[in-house]
């Protein structure tokens, strides 16, 4: 993971913010672009696998909540989706977006300032920036997820304090 060394300053504040939200009881609403659908399934299946020795983490895929969100074409329809999520989660959620920044799906997560963003091919404030055309992008995503998962366990067991 030598490539990650130069990204650690982007990684730390965004992941610390996400983990603090998880520790505060917020749910994760996971959104990926179409090319990373496989990664969404992987995260959902892996985060709470049965052999984890830690509390379960509330995570759900946007596809499971509203499978038609690709067809939201206006700001008003995105607002209606946000209203549904506010009612469902009582404002106790945040987005985790993984994918290209120019996707319509990204717009949903970009609207909330507390989102965890792993954005590709676009510079966006408070996001971890990646390149979709990187031949090792899938490996890098898996490495980042593994680091996220280990950090989450460390936070849950009091080995790391994200508030400091």
N, C-alpha and C. Protein backbone atom coordinates (compact mmCIF):
# COMPACT_ATOMS: atom_id res chain seq x y z
N UNK A 1 0.81 -1.20 0.00
CA UNK A 1 0.00 0.00 0.00
C UNK A 1 0.85 1.26 0.00
N UNK A 2 1.98 1.22 -0.67
CA UNK A 2 2.84 2.41 -0.73
C UNK A 2 2.12 3.58 -1.41
N UNK A 3 1.23 3.31 -2.33
CA UNK A 3 0.46 4.35 -3.01
C UNK A 3 -0.38 5.15 -2.01
N UNK A 4 -0.76 4.50 -0.93
CA UNK A 4 -1.65 5.11 0.04
C UNK A 4 -0.95 6.14 0.92
N UNK A 5 0.35 6.03 1.03
CA UNK A 5 1.13 6.92 1.89
C UNK A 5 0.87 8.39 1.57
N UNK A 6 0.79 8.74 0.30
CA UNK A 6 0.54 10.13 -0.08
C UNK A 6 -0.92 10.54 0.09
N UNK A 7 -1.82 9.58 0.29
CA UNK A 7 -3.25 9.86 0.45
C UNK A 7 -3.69 9.93 1.91
N UNK A 8 -2.81 9.64 2.83
CA UNK A 8 -3.22 9.52 4.23
C UNK A 8 -3.78 10.82 4.80
N UNK A 9 -3.34 11.96 4.27
CA UNK A 9 -3.85 13.23 4.79
C UNK A 9 -5.27 13.51 4.29
N UNK A 10 -5.64 12.94 3.16
CA UNK A 10 -7.02 13.02 2.68
C UNK A 10 -7.89 12.02 3.44
N UNK A 11 -7.32 10.86 3.72
CA UNK A 11 -8.01 9.74 4.34
C UNK A 11 -8.44 10.04 5.78
N UNK A 12 -7.50 10.51 6.56
CA UNK A 12 -7.70 10.60 8.01
C UNK A 12 -8.90 11.44 8.42
N UNK A 13 -9.03 12.70 7.98
CA UNK A 13 -10.19 13.47 8.46
C UNK A 13 -11.53 12.93 7.98
N UNK A 14 -11.59 12.45 6.74
CA UNK A 14 -12.88 11.98 6.22
C UNK A 14 -13.31 10.68 6.89
N UNK A 15 -12.38 9.77 7.09
CA UNK A 15 -12.73 8.50 7.74
C UNK A 15 -12.99 8.72 9.23
N UNK A 16 -12.22 9.59 9.87
CA UNK A 16 -12.46 9.90 11.28
C UNK A 16 -13.87 10.47 11.46
N UNK A 17 -14.29 11.36 10.56
CA UNK A 17 -15.63 11.92 10.62
C UNK A 17 -16.69 10.82 10.45
N UNK A 18 -16.49 9.93 9.51
CA UNK A 18 -17.45 8.84 9.29
C UNK A 18 -17.52 7.92 10.51
N UNK A 19 -16.37 7.58 11.07
CA UNK A 19 -16.36 6.68 12.22
C UNK A 19 -16.97 7.34 13.45
N UNK A 20 -16.77 8.62 13.59
CA UNK A 20 -17.40 9.34 14.70
C UNK A 20 -18.92 9.29 14.55
N UNK A 21 -19.41 9.39 13.33
CA UNK A 21 -20.85 9.30 13.09
C UNK A 21 -21.37 7.90 13.40
N UNK A 22 -20.61 6.88 13.01
CA UNK A 22 -21.01 5.50 13.33
C UNK A 22 -21.07 5.33 14.84
N UNK A 23 -20.06 5.83 15.54
CA UNK A 23 -20.03 5.71 17.00
C UNK A 23 -21.19 6.49 17.65
N UNK A 24 -21.66 7.51 16.97
CA UNK A 24 -22.80 8.29 17.45
C UNK A 24 -24.14 7.66 17.13
N UNK A 25 -24.13 6.50 16.48
CA UNK A 25 -25.37 5.78 16.21
C UNK A 25 -25.98 6.02 14.84
N UNK A 26 -25.27 6.70 13.98
CA UNK A 26 -25.82 6.95 12.64
C UNK A 26 -25.67 5.72 11.75
N UNK A 27 -26.60 5.59 10.82
CA UNK A 27 -26.57 4.52 9.83
C UNK A 27 -25.82 4.99 8.59
N UNK A 28 -25.25 4.05 7.88
CA UNK A 28 -24.54 4.33 6.63
C UNK A 28 -25.46 3.97 5.47
N UNK A 29 -25.64 4.91 4.56
CA UNK A 29 -26.36 4.65 3.32
C UNK A 29 -25.30 4.62 2.22
N UNK A 30 -25.05 3.44 1.70
CA UNK A 30 -23.97 3.22 0.73
C UNK A 30 -24.48 3.42 -0.70
N UNK A 31 -23.74 4.25 -1.44
CA UNK A 31 -24.05 4.50 -2.85
C UNK A 31 -22.77 4.29 -3.64
N UNK A 32 -22.86 3.58 -4.75
CA UNK A 32 -21.73 3.45 -5.66
C UNK A 32 -22.20 3.77 -7.08
N UNK A 33 -21.24 4.09 -7.93
CA UNK A 33 -21.60 4.22 -9.34
C UNK A 33 -21.81 2.82 -9.92
N UNK A 34 -22.25 2.73 -11.15
CA UNK A 34 -22.57 1.43 -11.74
C UNK A 34 -21.35 0.52 -11.85
N UNK A 35 -20.19 1.10 -12.15
CA UNK A 35 -18.99 0.28 -12.29
C UNK A 35 -18.54 -0.31 -10.97
N UNK A 36 -18.99 0.24 -9.86
CA UNK A 36 -18.61 -0.26 -8.54
C UNK A 36 -19.76 -0.95 -7.82
N UNK A 37 -20.77 -1.39 -8.54
CA UNK A 37 -21.86 -2.14 -7.91
C UNK A 37 -21.33 -3.38 -7.18
N UNK A 38 -20.37 -4.03 -7.78
CA UNK A 38 -19.77 -5.21 -7.15
C UNK A 38 -19.19 -4.87 -5.78
N UNK A 39 -18.62 -3.67 -5.68
CA UNK A 39 -17.99 -3.25 -4.43
C UNK A 39 -19.05 -2.97 -3.36
N UNK A 40 -20.18 -2.43 -3.77
CA UNK A 40 -21.29 -2.22 -2.84
C UNK A 40 -21.72 -3.55 -2.24
N UNK A 41 -21.90 -4.56 -3.07
CA UNK A 41 -22.29 -5.88 -2.59
C UNK A 41 -21.22 -6.45 -1.65
N UNK A 42 -19.97 -6.25 -2.00
CA UNK A 42 -18.87 -6.74 -1.18
C UNK A 42 -18.89 -6.09 0.20
N UNK A 43 -19.04 -4.77 0.25
CA UNK A 43 -19.05 -4.05 1.53
C UNK A 43 -20.24 -4.50 2.39
N UNK A 44 -21.42 -4.56 1.80
CA UNK A 44 -22.61 -4.95 2.55
C UNK A 44 -22.44 -6.36 3.11
N UNK A 45 -21.88 -7.27 2.32
CA UNK A 45 -21.69 -8.65 2.77
C UNK A 45 -20.57 -8.78 3.79
N UNK A 46 -19.57 -7.94 3.71
CA UNK A 46 -18.38 -8.08 4.55
C UNK A 46 -18.44 -7.34 5.87
N UNK A 47 -19.06 -6.19 5.90
CA UNK A 47 -18.99 -5.34 7.08
C UNK A 47 -19.56 -6.02 8.33
N UNK A 48 -20.63 -6.76 8.16
CA UNK A 48 -21.26 -7.43 9.31
C UNK A 48 -21.24 -8.95 9.16
N UNK A 49 -20.18 -9.49 8.59
CA UNK A 49 -20.15 -10.94 8.41
C UNK A 49 -20.20 -11.64 9.77
N UNK A 50 -20.71 -12.85 9.75
CA UNK A 50 -21.05 -13.53 11.00
C UNK A 50 -19.86 -13.85 11.88
N UNK A 51 -18.66 -13.90 11.32
CA UNK A 51 -17.49 -14.20 12.15
C UNK A 51 -16.79 -12.96 12.68
N UNK A 52 -17.41 -11.79 12.53
CA UNK A 52 -16.86 -10.56 13.10
C UNK A 52 -17.08 -10.58 14.61
N UNK A 53 -16.06 -10.26 15.34
CA UNK A 53 -16.18 -10.18 16.79
C UNK A 53 -16.37 -8.73 17.22
N UNK A 54 -17.45 -8.13 16.73
CA UNK A 54 -17.75 -6.75 17.09
C UNK A 54 -19.24 -6.51 16.89
N UNK A 55 -19.73 -5.41 17.42
CA UNK A 55 -21.15 -5.09 17.21
C UNK A 55 -21.45 -4.89 15.71
N UNK A 56 -22.68 -5.15 15.35
CA UNK A 56 -23.09 -4.95 13.96
C UNK A 56 -23.19 -3.46 13.67
N UNK A 57 -22.88 -3.10 12.44
CA UNK A 57 -22.89 -1.71 11.99
C UNK A 57 -24.12 -1.52 11.10
N UNK A 58 -24.92 -0.49 11.37
CA UNK A 58 -26.10 -0.26 10.52
C UNK A 58 -25.69 0.31 9.16
N UNK A 59 -25.82 -0.51 8.15
CA UNK A 59 -25.47 -0.11 6.78
C UNK A 59 -26.50 -0.68 5.82
N UNK A 60 -26.86 0.13 4.84
CA UNK A 60 -27.81 -0.30 3.83
C UNK A 60 -27.42 0.33 2.50
N UNK A 61 -27.65 -0.39 1.45
CA UNK A 61 -27.39 0.12 0.11
C UNK A 61 -28.56 0.97 -0.36
N UNK A 62 -28.24 2.05 -1.04
CA UNK A 62 -29.30 2.89 -1.60
C UNK A 62 -30.15 2.08 -2.58
N UNK A 63 -29.54 1.14 -3.27
CA UNK A 63 -30.29 0.29 -4.19
C UNK A 63 -31.39 -0.47 -3.46
N UNK A 64 -31.14 -0.87 -2.22
CA UNK A 64 -32.14 -1.59 -1.44
C UNK A 64 -33.25 -0.65 -0.95
N UNK A 65 -32.90 0.59 -0.66
CA UNK A 65 -33.88 1.55 -0.16
C UNK A 65 -34.79 2.08 -1.25
N UNK A 66 -34.19 2.41 -2.38
CA UNK A 66 -34.96 2.99 -3.48
C UNK A 66 -34.27 2.63 -4.80
N UNK A 67 -34.63 1.50 -5.37
CA UNK A 67 -33.93 1.01 -6.57
C UNK A 67 -34.08 1.89 -7.81
N UNK A 68 -34.97 2.85 -7.78
CA UNK A 68 -35.21 3.70 -8.94
C UNK A 68 -34.48 5.04 -8.87
N UNK A 69 -33.51 5.16 -8.00
CA UNK A 69 -32.90 6.47 -7.81
C UNK A 69 -32.05 6.92 -8.99
N UNK A 70 -31.75 6.04 -9.91
CA UNK A 70 -31.06 6.45 -11.13
C UNK A 70 -31.92 7.36 -11.99
N UNK A 71 -33.22 7.30 -11.78
CA UNK A 71 -34.15 8.05 -12.61
C UNK A 71 -34.54 9.40 -12.01
N UNK A 72 -33.91 9.74 -10.89
CA UNK A 72 -34.18 11.05 -10.31
C UNK A 72 -33.47 12.10 -11.17
N UNK A 73 -34.24 12.94 -11.80
CA UNK A 73 -33.64 13.86 -12.76
C UNK A 73 -33.63 15.31 -12.33
N UNK A 74 -34.37 15.62 -11.32
CA UNK A 74 -34.43 17.02 -10.90
C UNK A 74 -34.01 17.17 -9.44
N UNK A 75 -33.70 18.39 -9.08
CA UNK A 75 -33.35 18.66 -7.69
C UNK A 75 -34.53 18.37 -6.77
N UNK A 76 -35.73 18.61 -7.24
CA UNK A 76 -36.91 18.36 -6.43
C UNK A 76 -37.07 16.88 -6.13
N UNK A 77 -36.79 16.02 -7.11
CA UNK A 77 -36.92 14.58 -6.86
C UNK A 77 -35.83 14.09 -5.91
N UNK A 78 -34.65 14.68 -5.99
CA UNK A 78 -33.60 14.34 -5.02
C UNK A 78 -34.00 14.82 -3.64
N UNK A 79 -34.62 15.98 -3.56
CA UNK A 79 -35.13 16.48 -2.28
C UNK A 79 -36.17 15.53 -1.69
N UNK A 80 -37.03 14.98 -2.53
CA UNK A 80 -38.04 14.03 -2.04
C UNK A 80 -37.36 12.76 -1.52
N UNK A 81 -36.32 12.30 -2.20
CA UNK A 81 -35.58 11.14 -1.72
C UNK A 81 -34.93 11.45 -0.37
N UNK A 82 -34.34 12.62 -0.26
CA UNK A 82 -33.72 13.04 1.00
C UNK A 82 -34.76 13.11 2.10
N UNK A 83 -35.94 13.62 1.79
CA UNK A 83 -37.02 13.67 2.78
C UNK A 83 -37.40 12.26 3.26
N UNK A 84 -37.48 11.31 2.32
CA UNK A 84 -37.79 9.93 2.69
C UNK A 84 -36.72 9.38 3.64
N UNK A 85 -35.43 9.66 3.32
CA UNK A 85 -34.35 9.18 4.18
C UNK A 85 -34.38 9.84 5.55
N UNK A 86 -34.72 11.12 5.60
CA UNK A 86 -34.83 11.83 6.88
C UNK A 86 -35.92 11.20 7.74
N UNK A 87 -37.04 10.86 7.13
CA UNK A 87 -38.12 10.22 7.87
C UNK A 87 -37.74 8.80 8.30
N UNK A 88 -37.11 8.08 7.42
CA UNK A 88 -36.74 6.70 7.70
C UNK A 88 -35.71 6.60 8.82
N UNK A 89 -34.69 7.43 8.75
CA UNK A 89 -33.57 7.35 9.69
C UNK A 89 -33.60 8.44 10.77
N UNK A 90 -34.63 9.24 10.79
CA UNK A 90 -34.74 10.34 11.77
C UNK A 90 -33.49 11.21 11.75
N UNK A 91 -33.01 11.49 10.56
CA UNK A 91 -31.83 12.34 10.32
C UNK A 91 -30.55 11.73 10.90
N UNK A 92 -30.56 10.46 11.24
CA UNK A 92 -29.39 9.79 11.82
C UNK A 92 -28.73 8.87 10.80
N UNK A 93 -28.26 9.46 9.72
CA UNK A 93 -27.59 8.69 8.68
C UNK A 93 -26.59 9.59 7.98
N UNK A 94 -25.68 8.94 7.23
CA UNK A 94 -24.80 9.67 6.34
C UNK A 94 -24.53 8.79 5.13
N UNK A 95 -24.13 9.44 4.04
CA UNK A 95 -23.84 8.72 2.80
C UNK A 95 -22.37 8.33 2.75
N UNK A 96 -22.13 7.16 2.18
CA UNK A 96 -20.79 6.73 1.81
C UNK A 96 -20.87 6.50 0.32
N UNK A 97 -20.25 7.39 -0.44
CA UNK A 97 -20.28 7.29 -1.91
C UNK A 97 -18.92 6.84 -2.43
N UNK A 98 -18.96 5.88 -3.35
CA UNK A 98 -17.75 5.39 -4.00
C UNK A 98 -18.02 5.36 -5.50
N UNK A 99 -17.28 6.17 -6.25
CA UNK A 99 -17.46 6.15 -7.70
C UNK A 99 -17.07 7.46 -8.35
N UNK A 100 -17.40 7.55 -9.61
CA UNK A 100 -17.08 8.73 -10.40
C UNK A 100 -17.87 9.94 -9.89
N UNK A 101 -17.22 11.07 -9.90
CA UNK A 101 -17.84 12.28 -9.41
C UNK A 101 -18.89 12.87 -10.33
N UNK A 102 -18.84 12.51 -11.62
CA UNK A 102 -19.79 13.09 -12.57
C UNK A 102 -21.07 12.26 -12.71
N UNK A 103 -21.23 11.24 -11.92
CA UNK A 103 -22.45 10.42 -11.93
C UNK A 103 -23.59 11.14 -11.21
N UNK A 104 -24.79 10.93 -11.66
CA UNK A 104 -25.97 11.50 -10.99
C UNK A 104 -26.07 10.98 -9.56
N UNK A 105 -25.67 9.73 -9.35
CA UNK A 105 -25.70 9.14 -8.01
C UNK A 105 -24.81 9.92 -7.04
N UNK A 106 -23.72 10.45 -7.55
CA UNK A 106 -22.80 11.22 -6.69
C UNK A 106 -23.46 12.48 -6.17
N UNK A 107 -24.34 13.07 -6.96
CA UNK A 107 -25.00 14.31 -6.56
C UNK A 107 -25.78 14.15 -5.26
N UNK A 108 -26.35 12.98 -5.06
CA UNK A 108 -27.12 12.74 -3.84
C UNK A 108 -26.21 12.85 -2.62
N UNK A 109 -25.06 12.20 -2.67
CA UNK A 109 -24.13 12.21 -1.54
C UNK A 109 -23.41 13.55 -1.38
N UNK A 110 -23.13 14.21 -2.48
CA UNK A 110 -22.42 15.50 -2.42
C UNK A 110 -23.23 16.59 -1.73
N UNK A 111 -24.54 16.44 -1.70
CA UNK A 111 -25.39 17.45 -1.10
C UNK A 111 -25.28 17.50 0.42
N UNK A 112 -24.83 16.41 1.03
CA UNK A 112 -24.70 16.37 2.49
C UNK A 112 -23.24 16.54 2.87
N UNK A 113 -22.97 17.47 3.74
CA UNK A 113 -21.58 17.78 4.11
C UNK A 113 -20.94 16.71 4.96
N UNK A 114 -21.71 15.81 5.55
CA UNK A 114 -21.13 14.78 6.41
C UNK A 114 -20.88 13.46 5.68
N UNK A 115 -20.98 13.45 4.36
CA UNK A 115 -20.80 12.23 3.59
C UNK A 115 -19.34 11.80 3.55
N UNK A 116 -19.13 10.49 3.50
CA UNK A 116 -17.81 9.91 3.25
C UNK A 116 -17.74 9.70 1.74
N UNK A 117 -16.81 10.38 1.09
CA UNK A 117 -16.74 10.37 -0.37
C UNK A 117 -15.41 9.81 -0.85
N UNK A 118 -15.48 8.74 -1.63
CA UNK A 118 -14.33 8.21 -2.35
C UNK A 118 -14.62 8.47 -3.82
N UNK A 119 -14.26 9.65 -4.28
CA UNK A 119 -14.66 10.14 -5.60
C UNK A 119 -13.55 9.92 -6.62
N UNK A 120 -13.96 9.56 -7.81
CA UNK A 120 -13.02 9.31 -8.91
C UNK A 120 -13.16 10.36 -10.00
N UNK A 121 -12.02 10.78 -10.50
CA UNK A 121 -11.93 11.66 -11.67
C UNK A 121 -12.50 13.05 -11.45
N UNK A 122 -12.56 13.49 -10.21
CA UNK A 122 -13.06 14.83 -9.91
C UNK A 122 -12.47 15.27 -8.57
N UNK A 123 -12.08 16.52 -8.50
CA UNK A 123 -11.64 17.07 -7.22
C UNK A 123 -12.86 17.60 -6.49
N UNK A 124 -13.00 17.17 -5.26
CA UNK A 124 -14.12 17.59 -4.45
C UNK A 124 -13.64 17.75 -3.02
N UNK A 125 -14.03 18.82 -2.38
CA UNK A 125 -13.58 19.11 -1.03
C UNK A 125 -13.98 18.00 -0.06
N UNK A 126 -13.06 17.66 0.83
CA UNK A 126 -13.27 16.65 1.88
C UNK A 126 -13.54 15.25 1.31
N UNK A 127 -12.97 14.96 0.15
CA UNK A 127 -13.14 13.65 -0.47
C UNK A 127 -11.78 13.02 -0.70
N UNK A 128 -11.77 11.71 -0.70
CA UNK A 128 -10.58 10.98 -1.11
C UNK A 128 -10.66 10.85 -2.63
N UNK A 129 -9.68 11.40 -3.32
CA UNK A 129 -9.70 11.47 -4.78
C UNK A 129 -8.94 10.27 -5.37
N UNK A 130 -9.60 9.59 -6.30
CA UNK A 130 -9.01 8.44 -7.00
C UNK A 130 -9.20 8.62 -8.50
N UNK A 131 -8.61 7.72 -9.26
CA UNK A 131 -8.76 7.75 -10.72
C UNK A 131 -9.39 6.44 -11.20
N UNK A 132 -10.50 6.55 -11.90
CA UNK A 132 -11.20 5.35 -12.36
C UNK A 132 -10.41 4.58 -13.40
N UNK A 133 -9.54 5.27 -14.12
CA UNK A 133 -8.75 4.62 -15.17
C UNK A 133 -7.47 3.99 -14.64
N UNK A 134 -7.24 4.08 -13.35
CA UNK A 134 -6.09 3.42 -12.73
C UNK A 134 -6.26 1.91 -12.91
N UNK A 135 -5.27 1.22 -13.49
CA UNK A 135 -5.42 -0.22 -13.70
C UNK A 135 -5.52 -1.02 -12.39
N UNK A 136 -5.13 -0.41 -11.29
CA UNK A 136 -5.19 -1.09 -10.00
C UNK A 136 -6.32 -0.58 -9.11
N UNK A 137 -7.30 0.10 -9.68
CA UNK A 137 -8.34 0.74 -8.88
C UNK A 137 -9.10 -0.27 -8.02
N UNK A 138 -9.42 -1.43 -8.54
CA UNK A 138 -10.17 -2.41 -7.75
C UNK A 138 -9.35 -2.89 -6.55
N UNK A 139 -8.09 -3.12 -6.76
CA UNK A 139 -7.20 -3.54 -5.66
C UNK A 139 -7.10 -2.43 -4.63
N UNK A 140 -6.97 -1.20 -5.08
CA UNK A 140 -6.88 -0.07 -4.16
C UNK A 140 -8.16 0.08 -3.35
N UNK A 141 -9.30 -0.09 -3.99
CA UNK A 141 -10.56 -0.01 -3.26
C UNK A 141 -10.65 -1.09 -2.19
N UNK A 142 -10.26 -2.29 -2.54
CA UNK A 142 -10.28 -3.37 -1.56
C UNK A 142 -9.31 -3.11 -0.41
N UNK A 143 -8.15 -2.56 -0.71
CA UNK A 143 -7.20 -2.22 0.34
C UNK A 143 -7.76 -1.12 1.24
N UNK A 144 -8.38 -0.13 0.64
CA UNK A 144 -8.97 0.95 1.43
C UNK A 144 -10.11 0.43 2.30
N UNK A 145 -10.92 -0.45 1.75
CA UNK A 145 -12.00 -1.02 2.55
C UNK A 145 -11.42 -1.81 3.73
N UNK A 146 -10.40 -2.59 3.47
CA UNK A 146 -9.78 -3.39 4.54
C UNK A 146 -9.25 -2.47 5.65
N UNK A 147 -8.62 -1.38 5.27
CA UNK A 147 -8.12 -0.42 6.25
C UNK A 147 -9.29 0.22 7.01
N UNK A 148 -10.35 0.57 6.29
CA UNK A 148 -11.54 1.13 6.93
C UNK A 148 -12.11 0.15 7.95
N UNK A 149 -12.23 -1.10 7.56
CA UNK A 149 -12.79 -2.14 8.42
C UNK A 149 -11.93 -2.34 9.68
N UNK A 150 -10.63 -2.39 9.52
CA UNK A 150 -9.73 -2.54 10.68
C UNK A 150 -9.79 -1.30 11.58
N UNK A 151 -9.87 -0.13 10.99
CA UNK A 151 -9.97 1.10 11.77
C UNK A 151 -11.29 1.12 12.54
N UNK A 152 -12.36 0.70 11.89
CA UNK A 152 -13.66 0.63 12.55
C UNK A 152 -13.60 -0.28 13.77
N UNK A 153 -13.00 -1.44 13.63
CA UNK A 153 -12.86 -2.36 14.76
C UNK A 153 -12.04 -1.72 15.88
N UNK A 154 -10.98 -1.05 15.52
CA UNK A 154 -10.13 -0.39 16.53
C UNK A 154 -10.88 0.70 17.27
N UNK A 155 -11.71 1.43 16.56
CA UNK A 155 -12.52 2.48 17.19
C UNK A 155 -13.56 1.86 18.12
N UNK A 156 -14.22 0.82 17.65
CA UNK A 156 -15.26 0.17 18.45
C UNK A 156 -14.70 -0.42 19.75
N UNK A 157 -13.46 -0.90 19.71
CA UNK A 157 -12.86 -1.51 20.88
C UNK A 157 -11.99 -0.55 21.69
N UNK A 158 -12.07 0.73 21.37
CA UNK A 158 -11.40 1.75 22.16
C UNK A 158 -9.90 1.84 21.98
N UNK A 159 -9.38 1.23 20.91
CA UNK A 159 -7.95 1.29 20.64
C UNK A 159 -7.56 2.61 19.99
N UNK A 160 -8.52 3.24 19.32
CA UNK A 160 -8.33 4.53 18.65
C UNK A 160 -9.48 5.43 19.07
N UNK A 161 -9.17 6.68 19.34
CA UNK A 161 -10.20 7.67 19.65
C UNK A 161 -10.25 8.66 18.50
N UNK A 162 -11.34 8.66 17.75
CA UNK A 162 -11.47 9.53 16.58
C UNK A 162 -11.76 10.97 16.95
N UNK A 163 -12.10 11.22 18.16
CA UNK A 163 -12.44 12.57 18.60
C UNK A 163 -11.21 13.38 18.97
N UNK A 164 -10.07 12.74 19.05
CA UNK A 164 -8.84 13.46 19.42
C UNK A 164 -7.97 13.73 18.22
